[in-house]
N, C-alpha and C. Protein backbone atom coordinates (compact mmCIF):
# COMPACT_ATOMS: atom_id res chain seq x y z
N MET A 1 138.49 49.67 142.75
CA MET A 1 137.50 50.24 141.95
C MET A 1 136.24 49.64 141.98
N SER A 2 135.22 50.43 142.27
CA SER A 2 133.88 50.24 142.75
C SER A 2 132.99 49.89 141.39
N THR A 3 132.33 48.79 141.25
CA THR A 3 131.54 48.69 140.27
C THR A 3 129.99 48.19 140.66
N ASP A 4 129.54 49.18 140.95
CA ASP A 4 128.14 49.04 141.65
C ASP A 4 126.96 49.01 140.40
N ASN A 5 126.99 49.48 139.53
CA ASN A 5 126.41 49.20 138.35
C ASN A 5 127.02 48.69 137.27
N PRO A 6 127.12 47.44 137.16
CA PRO A 6 127.96 46.82 136.08
C PRO A 6 127.10 47.08 134.51
N THR A 7 127.82 47.30 133.57
CA THR A 7 127.35 47.20 132.22
C THR A 7 127.03 45.82 131.87
N PRO A 8 125.69 45.59 131.39
CA PRO A 8 125.28 44.30 130.92
C PRO A 8 126.09 44.16 129.81
N SER A 9 126.59 42.89 129.60
CA SER A 9 127.42 42.35 128.25
C SER A 9 126.31 41.85 127.27
N ALA A 10 126.77 41.79 126.18
CA ALA A 10 126.08 41.31 125.21
C ALA A 10 125.42 39.92 125.41
N ASP A 11 126.11 39.18 126.28
CA ASP A 11 125.55 37.96 126.50
C ASP A 11 124.14 38.10 127.39
N ASP A 12 124.19 39.31 128.30
CA ASP A 12 123.06 39.27 129.31
C ASP A 12 121.93 40.12 128.57
N ALA A 13 122.04 40.49 127.27
CA ALA A 13 121.00 41.27 126.63
C ALA A 13 119.65 40.24 126.48
N ASP A 14 118.40 40.71 126.72
CA ASP A 14 117.07 39.80 126.51
C ASP A 14 116.57 40.19 125.31
N PRO A 15 116.93 39.00 124.19
CA PRO A 15 116.26 38.95 122.81
C PRO A 15 115.01 39.55 122.63
N ALA A 16 114.02 39.15 123.63
CA ALA A 16 112.62 39.44 123.43
C ALA A 16 112.63 40.97 123.66
N SER A 17 113.27 41.70 124.83
CA SER A 17 113.23 42.99 124.94
C SER A 17 113.83 43.82 123.96
N ASP A 18 114.71 43.20 123.23
CA ASP A 18 115.43 43.76 122.18
C ASP A 18 114.30 43.87 120.91
N ALA A 19 113.65 42.81 120.56
CA ALA A 19 112.76 42.73 119.25
C ALA A 19 111.52 43.68 119.75
N ALA A 20 111.21 43.52 120.95
CA ALA A 20 109.96 44.64 121.28
C ALA A 20 110.38 46.13 121.04
N GLU A 21 111.81 46.45 121.44
CA GLU A 21 112.23 47.80 121.20
C GLU A 21 112.05 47.87 119.45
N LEU A 22 112.74 47.25 118.82
CA LEU A 22 112.80 47.35 117.46
C LEU A 22 111.58 47.49 116.68
N GLN A 23 110.62 46.48 117.35
CA GLN A 23 109.09 46.83 116.66
C GLN A 23 108.69 48.00 117.07
N ALA A 24 108.46 48.54 118.25
CA ALA A 24 108.47 49.84 118.73
C ALA A 24 108.72 50.86 117.89
N LEU A 25 110.29 50.95 117.76
CA LEU A 25 110.67 51.89 116.86
C LEU A 25 110.37 51.83 115.42
N ARG A 26 110.10 50.74 114.87
CA ARG A 26 109.53 50.61 113.43
C ARG A 26 108.01 51.20 113.40
N GLU A 27 107.36 50.83 114.38
CA GLU A 27 105.85 51.51 114.36
C GLU A 27 106.19 53.16 114.44
N ARG A 28 107.15 53.59 115.18
CA ARG A 28 106.97 55.15 115.39
C ARG A 28 107.54 55.87 114.19
N VAL A 29 108.65 55.03 113.44
CA VAL A 29 109.13 55.48 112.03
C VAL A 29 108.03 55.35 111.19
N ASP A 30 106.88 54.42 111.03
CA ASP A 30 106.00 54.20 110.27
C ASP A 30 104.82 55.26 110.56
N GLU A 31 104.55 55.79 111.80
CA GLU A 31 103.92 56.96 112.15
C GLU A 31 104.27 58.17 111.55
N LEU A 32 105.60 58.39 111.56
CA LEU A 32 106.34 59.55 111.33
C LEU A 32 106.28 59.87 109.86
N GLU A 33 106.19 58.93 109.15
CA GLU A 33 106.45 58.84 107.79
C GLU A 33 104.74 59.05 107.28
N ALA A 34 103.84 58.52 108.10
CA ALA A 34 102.47 58.85 107.51
C ALA A 34 102.31 60.09 107.87
N SER A 35 102.66 60.73 109.05
CA SER A 35 102.44 62.29 109.31
C SER A 35 103.00 63.07 108.32
N LEU A 36 104.36 62.69 107.85
CA LEU A 36 104.90 63.58 106.71
C LEU A 36 104.21 63.64 105.38
N SER A 37 103.64 62.53 105.13
CA SER A 37 103.15 62.27 103.70
C SER A 37 101.79 62.96 103.83
N GLU A 38 100.98 63.14 104.86
CA GLU A 38 99.86 64.06 105.07
C GLU A 38 100.27 65.50 104.90
N LEU A 39 101.12 65.86 105.42
CA LEU A 39 101.77 67.09 105.14
C LEU A 39 101.97 67.70 103.98
N ASP A 40 102.71 66.84 102.98
CA ASP A 40 103.02 67.07 101.71
C ASP A 40 102.65 65.74 100.87
N ASP A 41 101.44 65.96 100.29
CA ASP A 41 100.91 64.67 99.53
C ASP A 41 101.62 64.75 98.34
N GLY A 42 102.53 65.87 97.83
CA GLY A 42 103.05 65.86 96.47
C GLY A 42 102.25 66.35 95.53
N ASN A 43 101.19 66.67 95.61
CA ASN A 43 100.26 67.18 94.55
C ASN A 43 100.00 68.68 94.47
N GLU A 44 100.44 69.43 95.74
CA GLU A 44 100.39 70.74 95.63
C GLU A 44 101.45 71.32 94.79
N GLN A 45 101.12 72.05 93.71
CA GLN A 45 102.02 72.93 92.85
C GLN A 45 102.75 73.83 93.42
N GLN A 46 104.21 73.89 93.22
CA GLN A 46 105.11 74.78 94.05
C GLN A 46 105.06 76.16 93.13
N LYS A 47 105.27 77.18 94.16
CA LYS A 47 105.18 78.62 93.61
C LYS A 47 106.30 79.32 93.71
N LEU A 48 106.69 80.13 92.71
CA LEU A 48 107.88 80.90 92.56
C LEU A 48 107.33 82.41 92.06
N THR A 49 107.97 83.17 92.95
CA THR A 49 107.88 84.69 92.50
C THR A 49 109.10 85.55 92.27
N ILE A 50 109.22 86.11 91.31
CA ILE A 50 110.69 86.72 90.91
C ILE A 50 110.19 88.19 90.72
N VAL A 51 110.55 89.11 91.45
CA VAL A 51 110.50 90.72 91.00
C VAL A 51 111.61 91.04 90.45
N ALA A 52 111.59 91.48 89.02
CA ALA A 52 112.55 91.94 88.35
C ALA A 52 112.51 93.68 88.37
N THR A 53 113.55 94.03 88.93
CA THR A 53 113.69 95.54 88.92
C THR A 53 114.83 96.42 88.03
N GLN A 54 115.62 95.55 87.48
CA GLN A 54 116.53 95.85 86.68
C GLN A 54 116.35 95.61 85.21
N GLY A 55 116.68 96.45 84.25
CA GLY A 55 116.47 96.35 82.82
C GLY A 55 117.79 96.21 82.01
N SER A 56 118.95 95.91 82.66
CA SER A 56 120.31 96.03 81.68
C SER A 56 120.20 94.53 81.13
N PHE A 57 121.07 94.62 80.08
CA PHE A 57 121.06 93.32 79.11
C PHE A 57 121.36 92.19 80.10
N ASP A 58 122.18 92.17 80.87
CA ASP A 58 122.62 90.84 81.90
C ASP A 58 121.71 90.82 82.80
N MET A 59 121.01 91.75 83.17
CA MET A 59 119.93 91.37 84.25
C MET A 59 118.55 91.00 83.66
N ALA A 60 118.52 90.97 82.45
CA ALA A 60 117.15 90.38 81.93
C ALA A 60 117.17 88.86 81.86
N TYR A 61 118.50 88.27 81.76
CA TYR A 61 118.60 86.73 81.76
C TYR A 61 118.19 85.97 83.00
N PRO A 62 118.55 86.44 84.08
CA PRO A 62 118.25 85.75 85.48
C PRO A 62 116.67 85.39 85.61
N PRO A 63 115.66 86.51 85.45
CA PRO A 63 114.60 86.05 85.81
C PRO A 63 113.63 85.33 84.73
N LEU A 64 114.28 85.33 83.50
CA LEU A 64 113.70 84.59 82.33
C LEU A 64 113.99 83.41 82.46
N ILE A 65 115.38 82.92 82.73
CA ILE A 65 116.06 81.76 82.84
C ILE A 65 115.32 80.98 83.91
N LEU A 66 115.31 81.62 85.23
CA LEU A 66 114.88 80.95 86.16
C LEU A 66 113.29 80.85 86.23
N GLY A 67 112.40 81.53 85.66
CA GLY A 67 111.22 81.34 85.60
C GLY A 67 110.93 80.36 84.71
N SER A 68 111.39 80.35 83.51
CA SER A 68 111.08 79.11 82.38
C SER A 68 111.44 78.02 82.80
N THR A 69 112.50 77.69 83.44
CA THR A 69 113.08 76.86 83.94
C THR A 69 112.05 76.13 85.15
N ALA A 70 111.72 76.95 86.09
CA ALA A 70 110.76 76.37 86.99
C ALA A 70 109.49 76.04 86.52
N ALA A 71 108.84 76.91 85.32
CA ALA A 71 107.70 76.37 84.86
C ALA A 71 107.81 74.92 84.16
N ALA A 72 108.69 74.88 83.64
CA ALA A 72 109.26 73.55 82.94
C ALA A 72 109.12 72.33 83.77
N PHE A 73 109.51 72.79 85.14
CA PHE A 73 109.18 71.67 86.21
C PHE A 73 107.70 71.56 86.71
N GLY A 74 106.97 72.33 86.22
CA GLY A 74 105.52 72.48 86.41
C GLY A 74 105.17 73.42 87.50
N TRP A 75 106.12 74.35 87.98
CA TRP A 75 105.63 75.24 89.03
C TRP A 75 104.60 76.57 88.41
N ASP A 76 104.07 76.97 89.61
CA ASP A 76 103.31 77.99 89.10
C ASP A 76 104.38 79.59 89.25
N VAL A 77 104.63 80.16 88.27
CA VAL A 77 105.54 81.30 88.14
C VAL A 77 105.06 82.57 87.75
N VAL A 78 105.33 83.60 88.64
CA VAL A 78 105.13 84.86 88.41
C VAL A 78 106.43 85.75 88.35
N VAL A 79 106.52 86.34 87.38
CA VAL A 79 107.55 87.44 87.34
C VAL A 79 107.13 88.85 87.21
N PHE A 80 107.05 89.59 88.20
CA PHE A 80 106.60 91.00 88.38
C PHE A 80 107.84 92.01 88.05
N HIS A 81 107.55 92.61 86.94
CA HIS A 81 108.53 93.68 86.12
C HIS A 81 108.30 94.85 86.69
N THR A 82 109.00 95.62 87.46
CA THR A 82 108.90 96.99 87.77
C THR A 82 109.75 97.67 87.50
N PHE A 83 109.88 99.13 87.46
CA PHE A 83 110.87 100.32 87.50
C PHE A 83 111.56 99.84 85.95
N TRP A 84 112.99 99.68 86.01
CA TRP A 84 113.53 99.45 84.76
C TRP A 84 113.45 98.03 84.28
N GLY A 85 112.98 97.09 85.21
CA GLY A 85 112.81 95.81 84.83
C GLY A 85 111.42 95.65 83.90
N LEU A 86 110.79 96.59 83.80
CA LEU A 86 109.55 96.89 82.90
C LEU A 86 110.33 96.65 81.47
N ASP A 87 111.43 97.41 81.09
CA ASP A 87 111.84 97.39 79.87
C ASP A 87 112.45 96.08 79.31
N ILE A 88 112.40 94.83 79.94
CA ILE A 88 112.69 93.43 79.51
C ILE A 88 111.31 93.22 78.72
N LEU A 89 110.20 93.78 79.14
CA LEU A 89 108.75 93.18 78.64
C LEU A 89 108.43 94.15 77.61
N HIS A 90 109.27 95.24 77.29
CA HIS A 90 108.70 96.31 76.33
C HIS A 90 109.40 95.78 75.14
N GLU A 91 108.38 95.62 74.08
CA GLU A 91 109.04 95.05 72.85
C GLU A 91 109.95 95.81 72.29
N LYS A 92 110.16 96.96 72.10
CA LYS A 92 111.00 97.75 71.37
C LYS A 92 112.19 97.85 72.26
N LYS A 93 111.89 98.30 73.44
CA LYS A 93 113.04 98.29 74.25
C LYS A 93 113.93 97.16 74.79
N SER A 94 113.43 95.98 74.86
CA SER A 94 113.92 95.04 75.26
C SER A 94 115.02 94.29 73.90
N LYS A 95 114.87 94.99 72.90
CA LYS A 95 115.89 94.78 71.81
C LYS A 95 117.09 95.75 71.89
N ASN A 96 117.11 96.56 72.73
CA ASN A 96 118.12 97.41 72.94
C ASN A 96 118.74 97.71 74.01
N LEU A 97 118.59 96.65 75.17
CA LEU A 97 119.19 96.72 76.40
C LEU A 97 120.63 96.59 76.39
N LYS A 98 121.25 97.29 77.45
CA LYS A 98 122.57 97.47 77.33
C LYS A 98 123.20 96.83 78.44
N LEU A 99 124.42 96.43 78.35
CA LEU A 99 125.35 95.90 79.44
C LEU A 99 126.10 97.03 79.96
N SER A 100 125.97 97.24 81.13
CA SER A 100 126.79 98.61 81.86
C SER A 100 128.16 98.07 82.11
N ALA A 101 129.07 98.80 81.51
CA ALA A 101 130.69 98.44 81.71
C ALA A 101 131.12 99.15 83.00
N VAL A 102 130.60 100.20 83.34
CA VAL A 102 131.11 100.72 84.59
C VAL A 102 130.35 100.30 85.89
N GLY A 103 131.36 100.18 86.89
CA GLY A 103 130.86 99.63 88.38
C GLY A 103 130.62 98.04 88.20
N ASN A 104 131.02 97.45 87.15
CA ASN A 104 130.96 95.89 87.10
C ASN A 104 132.09 95.27 87.25
N PRO A 105 132.42 94.63 88.58
CA PRO A 105 133.71 94.13 88.94
C PRO A 105 134.15 93.04 88.21
N ASN A 106 133.44 92.46 87.24
CA ASN A 106 133.79 91.39 86.60
C ASN A 106 134.22 91.68 84.88
N MET A 107 134.12 92.98 84.74
CA MET A 107 134.45 93.58 83.45
C MET A 107 135.97 93.60 83.40
N PRO A 108 136.68 93.16 82.19
CA PRO A 108 138.09 93.02 82.18
C PRO A 108 138.59 94.51 81.82
N MET A 109 138.15 95.51 82.57
CA MET A 109 138.81 96.84 82.18
C MET A 109 138.36 97.80 83.39
N PRO A 110 139.11 98.70 83.64
CA PRO A 110 139.04 99.61 84.79
C PRO A 110 138.01 100.37 84.29
N ASN A 111 137.45 101.15 85.66
CA ASN A 111 136.22 101.98 85.41
C ASN A 111 136.35 103.35 84.66
N ALA A 112 137.70 103.59 84.74
CA ALA A 112 138.07 104.84 84.07
C ALA A 112 137.83 104.76 82.52
N LEU A 113 138.25 103.48 81.98
CA LEU A 113 138.19 103.15 80.69
C LEU A 113 136.58 102.90 80.55
N ALA A 114 135.85 102.18 81.25
CA ALA A 114 134.68 101.83 80.97
C ALA A 114 133.74 102.89 80.91
N ALA A 115 133.93 103.90 81.46
CA ALA A 115 133.21 105.34 81.69
C ALA A 115 133.51 105.80 80.27
N ILE A 116 134.34 105.57 79.22
CA ILE A 116 134.40 106.30 77.82
C ILE A 116 133.25 106.10 77.25
N PRO A 117 132.47 107.11 76.73
CA PRO A 117 131.21 106.98 75.78
C PRO A 117 131.47 105.64 74.73
N GLY A 118 130.29 104.99 74.50
CA GLY A 118 130.49 103.87 73.70
C GLY A 118 130.82 102.67 74.21
N MET A 119 131.42 102.52 75.48
CA MET A 119 131.86 100.98 76.01
C MET A 119 130.86 100.49 76.50
N ASP A 120 129.76 101.02 76.96
CA ASP A 120 128.41 100.11 77.15
C ASP A 120 128.16 99.29 76.12
N ARG A 121 127.97 100.01 74.58
CA ARG A 121 127.50 99.31 73.66
C ARG A 121 128.56 98.51 73.31
N MET A 122 129.80 98.55 73.36
CA MET A 122 131.10 97.78 72.80
C MET A 122 130.77 96.41 73.91
N ALA A 123 130.63 96.53 75.37
CA ALA A 123 130.61 95.47 76.02
C ALA A 123 129.12 94.78 75.84
N THR A 124 128.02 95.44 75.24
CA THR A 124 126.97 94.45 74.96
C THR A 124 127.04 93.73 73.62
N ARG A 125 127.77 94.52 72.77
CA ARG A 125 128.18 93.57 71.57
C ARG A 125 128.87 92.38 71.59
N MET A 126 129.77 92.62 72.59
CA MET A 126 130.86 91.42 73.03
C MET A 126 130.00 90.48 73.79
N MET A 127 129.06 90.72 74.57
CA MET A 127 128.15 89.70 75.16
C MET A 127 127.22 88.88 74.23
N GLU A 128 126.75 89.94 73.33
CA GLU A 128 125.75 89.14 72.34
C GLU A 128 126.56 88.17 71.45
N LYS A 129 127.86 88.64 70.99
CA LYS A 129 128.55 87.70 70.19
C LYS A 129 128.77 86.45 70.81
N LYS A 130 129.10 86.69 72.11
CA LYS A 130 129.15 85.18 73.09
C LYS A 130 128.19 84.44 72.92
N ILE A 131 126.66 85.18 73.43
CA ILE A 131 125.63 84.57 73.38
C ILE A 131 125.68 83.62 71.91
N ASP A 132 125.53 84.53 71.04
CA ASP A 132 125.31 83.72 69.35
C ASP A 132 126.31 82.49 69.39
N GLU A 133 127.53 82.92 69.57
CA GLU A 133 128.62 81.76 69.46
C GLU A 133 128.43 80.47 70.28
N ASN A 134 127.65 80.74 71.79
CA ASN A 134 127.34 79.76 72.50
C ASN A 134 125.95 79.09 72.17
N GLY A 135 125.44 79.59 71.24
CA GLY A 135 123.90 79.11 71.05
C GLY A 135 122.87 79.35 72.37
N THR A 136 123.24 80.15 73.26
CA THR A 136 122.18 80.60 74.26
C THR A 136 121.26 81.49 73.59
N ALA A 137 120.14 81.27 74.33
CA ALA A 137 118.91 81.84 73.71
C ALA A 137 118.79 83.55 73.91
N THR A 138 118.13 84.21 72.87
CA THR A 138 118.19 85.59 73.28
C THR A 138 117.28 85.85 74.19
N ILE A 139 117.03 87.22 74.36
CA ILE A 139 116.09 87.64 75.44
C ILE A 139 114.34 87.61 74.86
N GLU A 140 114.60 87.81 73.50
CA GLU A 140 113.25 87.69 72.83
C GLU A 140 112.99 86.14 72.91
N GLU A 141 113.78 85.27 72.61
CA GLU A 141 113.37 83.81 72.66
C GLU A 141 113.06 83.18 74.21
N LEU A 142 113.82 83.87 75.02
CA LEU A 142 113.41 83.49 76.41
C LEU A 142 112.29 83.90 76.88
N ILE A 143 111.55 85.12 76.39
CA ILE A 143 110.25 85.78 76.64
C ILE A 143 109.30 84.66 76.10
N ASP A 144 109.49 84.33 74.93
CA ASP A 144 108.52 83.23 74.25
C ASP A 144 108.44 82.22 74.88
N LEU A 145 109.64 81.69 75.34
CA LEU A 145 109.80 80.39 76.02
C LEU A 145 108.91 80.45 77.23
N SER A 146 109.09 81.73 78.13
CA SER A 146 108.57 81.74 79.40
C SER A 146 107.09 81.87 79.23
N LEU A 147 106.46 82.51 78.21
CA LEU A 147 105.13 82.73 77.87
C LEU A 147 104.59 81.09 77.56
N GLU A 148 105.37 80.64 76.62
CA GLU A 148 104.83 79.29 76.12
C GLU A 148 104.93 78.15 77.36
N THR A 149 105.75 78.10 78.45
CA THR A 149 105.85 77.52 79.50
C THR A 149 104.64 77.78 80.60
N GLY A 150 104.27 78.86 80.48
CA GLY A 150 103.26 79.34 81.36
C GLY A 150 103.34 80.22 82.37
N VAL A 151 104.76 80.73 82.39
CA VAL A 151 105.13 81.96 83.12
C VAL A 151 104.24 83.10 82.92
N ASP A 152 103.78 83.60 84.20
CA ASP A 152 102.96 84.91 84.01
C ASP A 152 103.94 86.24 84.38
N LEU A 153 104.24 86.68 82.89
CA LEU A 153 105.00 87.99 82.94
C LEU A 153 104.27 89.07 83.25
N GLN A 154 104.44 89.66 84.27
CA GLN A 154 103.35 90.98 84.71
C GLN A 154 104.18 92.06 84.66
N ALA A 155 103.40 93.23 84.23
CA ALA A 155 103.98 94.56 83.99
C ALA A 155 103.21 95.40 85.24
N CYS A 156 104.28 96.04 86.10
CA CYS A 156 103.63 96.66 87.08
C CYS A 156 102.94 97.87 86.44
N GLN A 157 101.41 98.02 86.97
CA GLN A 157 100.82 99.20 86.24
C GLN A 157 101.27 100.23 86.92
N MET A 158 101.56 100.51 87.98
CA MET A 158 102.37 102.16 88.42
C MET A 158 103.42 102.34 87.50
N THR A 159 104.43 101.32 87.37
CA THR A 159 105.55 101.75 86.57
C THR A 159 105.10 101.85 84.86
N VAL A 160 104.14 101.37 84.30
CA VAL A 160 103.47 101.45 83.02
C VAL A 160 103.10 102.94 83.01
N GLU A 161 102.39 103.52 84.11
CA GLU A 161 101.83 104.83 83.96
C GLU A 161 103.01 105.97 84.28
N LEU A 162 103.82 105.47 85.18
CA LEU A 162 105.21 106.31 85.54
C LEU A 162 106.10 106.51 84.36
N MET A 163 106.38 105.56 83.55
CA MET A 163 107.15 105.64 82.35
C MET A 163 106.37 105.86 80.94
N ASP A 164 105.20 106.15 80.96
CA ASP A 164 104.26 106.83 80.02
C ASP A 164 104.20 105.60 79.07
N TYR A 165 104.18 104.21 79.27
CA TYR A 165 104.17 103.35 78.54
C TYR A 165 102.67 103.18 78.03
N ASP A 166 102.50 102.24 76.94
CA ASP A 166 101.08 101.95 76.52
C ASP A 166 101.24 100.27 76.68
N GLU A 167 99.90 99.82 77.11
CA GLU A 167 99.91 98.29 77.00
C GLU A 167 100.38 97.75 75.91
N ASP A 168 99.95 98.28 74.66
CA ASP A 168 100.23 97.76 73.28
C ASP A 168 102.00 97.61 73.01
N ASP A 169 102.74 98.31 73.99
CA ASP A 169 104.17 98.26 73.75
C ASP A 169 104.71 97.01 74.24
N PHE A 170 103.97 96.30 75.09
CA PHE A 170 104.61 94.98 75.58
C PHE A 170 104.31 93.59 74.64
N TYR A 171 105.10 92.77 74.94
CA TYR A 171 104.92 91.60 73.96
C TYR A 171 103.55 90.90 74.29
N ASP A 172 103.06 90.41 73.35
CA ASP A 172 101.76 89.69 73.41
C ASP A 172 101.72 88.76 74.64
N GLY A 173 100.77 88.44 75.42
CA GLY A 173 100.87 87.56 76.44
C GLY A 173 101.37 88.19 77.87
N VAL A 174 101.67 89.31 77.74
CA VAL A 174 102.24 89.83 79.34
C VAL A 174 101.09 90.63 79.82
N THR A 175 100.92 90.19 81.12
CA THR A 175 99.87 90.45 81.85
C THR A 175 99.99 92.10 82.35
N THR A 176 99.06 92.93 82.08
CA THR A 176 99.24 94.49 82.44
C THR A 176 98.12 94.40 83.32
N GLY A 177 98.03 95.90 84.17
CA GLY A 177 97.16 96.01 84.95
C GLY A 177 97.28 95.53 86.34
N VAL A 178 98.56 95.04 86.58
CA VAL A 178 98.84 94.49 87.85
C VAL A 178 99.83 95.31 88.65
N GLY A 179 99.09 95.34 90.03
CA GLY A 179 99.62 96.39 91.30
C GLY A 179 100.38 95.62 92.22
N ALA A 180 101.05 96.35 93.02
CA ALA A 180 101.81 95.64 93.97
C ALA A 180 101.18 94.71 94.88
N ALA A 181 100.02 95.04 95.16
CA ALA A 181 99.03 94.14 96.13
C ALA A 181 98.72 92.76 95.66
N THR A 182 98.74 92.64 94.29
CA THR A 182 98.55 91.29 93.63
C THR A 182 99.73 90.59 93.60
N ALA A 183 101.05 91.17 93.39
CA ALA A 183 102.51 90.78 93.54
C ALA A 183 102.57 90.19 94.88
N LEU A 184 102.10 91.12 95.89
CA LEU A 184 102.51 90.51 97.24
C LEU A 184 101.65 89.20 97.72
N GLN A 185 100.35 89.26 97.23
CA GLN A 185 99.59 88.03 97.36
C GLN A 185 100.36 86.88 96.95
N HIS A 186 100.93 86.81 95.75
CA HIS A 186 101.38 85.81 94.96
C HIS A 186 102.67 85.30 96.08
N MET A 187 103.31 86.52 96.42
CA MET A 187 104.76 86.19 96.99
C MET A 187 104.37 85.48 98.58
N ALA A 188 103.21 86.01 99.05
CA ALA A 188 102.84 85.36 100.30
C ALA A 188 102.45 83.97 100.25
N GLU A 189 101.98 83.65 99.03
CA GLU A 189 101.72 81.94 98.81
C GLU A 189 103.02 81.26 98.07
N SER A 190 103.98 82.01 97.69
CA SER A 190 105.02 81.26 97.26
C SER A 190 105.99 80.61 98.06
N ASP A 191 106.48 79.50 97.69
CA ASP A 191 107.30 78.83 98.38
C ASP A 191 108.92 79.46 98.09
N ILE A 192 109.04 80.08 97.09
CA ILE A 192 110.40 80.75 96.79
C ILE A 192 109.96 82.29 96.19
N GLN A 193 110.70 83.23 96.79
CA GLN A 193 110.55 84.65 96.45
C GLN A 193 112.00 85.11 95.82
N LEU A 194 112.23 85.88 94.88
CA LEU A 194 113.36 86.30 94.45
C LEU A 194 113.14 87.68 93.99
N LEU A 195 114.21 88.40 94.40
CA LEU A 195 114.35 89.95 93.96
C LEU A 195 115.70 89.95 93.14
N VAL A 196 115.51 90.34 91.68
CA VAL A 196 116.55 90.47 90.79
C VAL A 196 116.58 91.75 90.31
């Protein structure tokens, strides 16, 4: 067996060379850490944009919970409500949102039974009871919390006109007169964009 290039043993290692390599590696790590800290100095506020398109009882919770939580962490948060999602911000309609029993795979009933008139209201009452028993915030409380923590709850102007709503129909503090271009601009600047 030929051993033209023998592997150096630990005894043959040059301590001065190892120390120089280790020092060079430490310097390189320091350079990389410095360049990373320049990229993210930790002072830039994170941004979140949520587009809320659905206005059912169960779909009102995700944008409000996610938005208020992110705002509590100091994020710049916009929740742009469009089409049926606009009903979440409508002061009267938000109190009567329904949970759809039909087509919901997690409902403990077949669709034929869920389609019976009154089942949506029954499913909504059951969920409201669970929310109350659990001490979970109501939609109205989450809207108040969102506004208090600085979430910009926006009502799509095109949808306001389409649904023939009035700006006075919305909770105090809701931003009206906002179009898709403004929402897109915030999305483009956001770290996270969600569609719910």
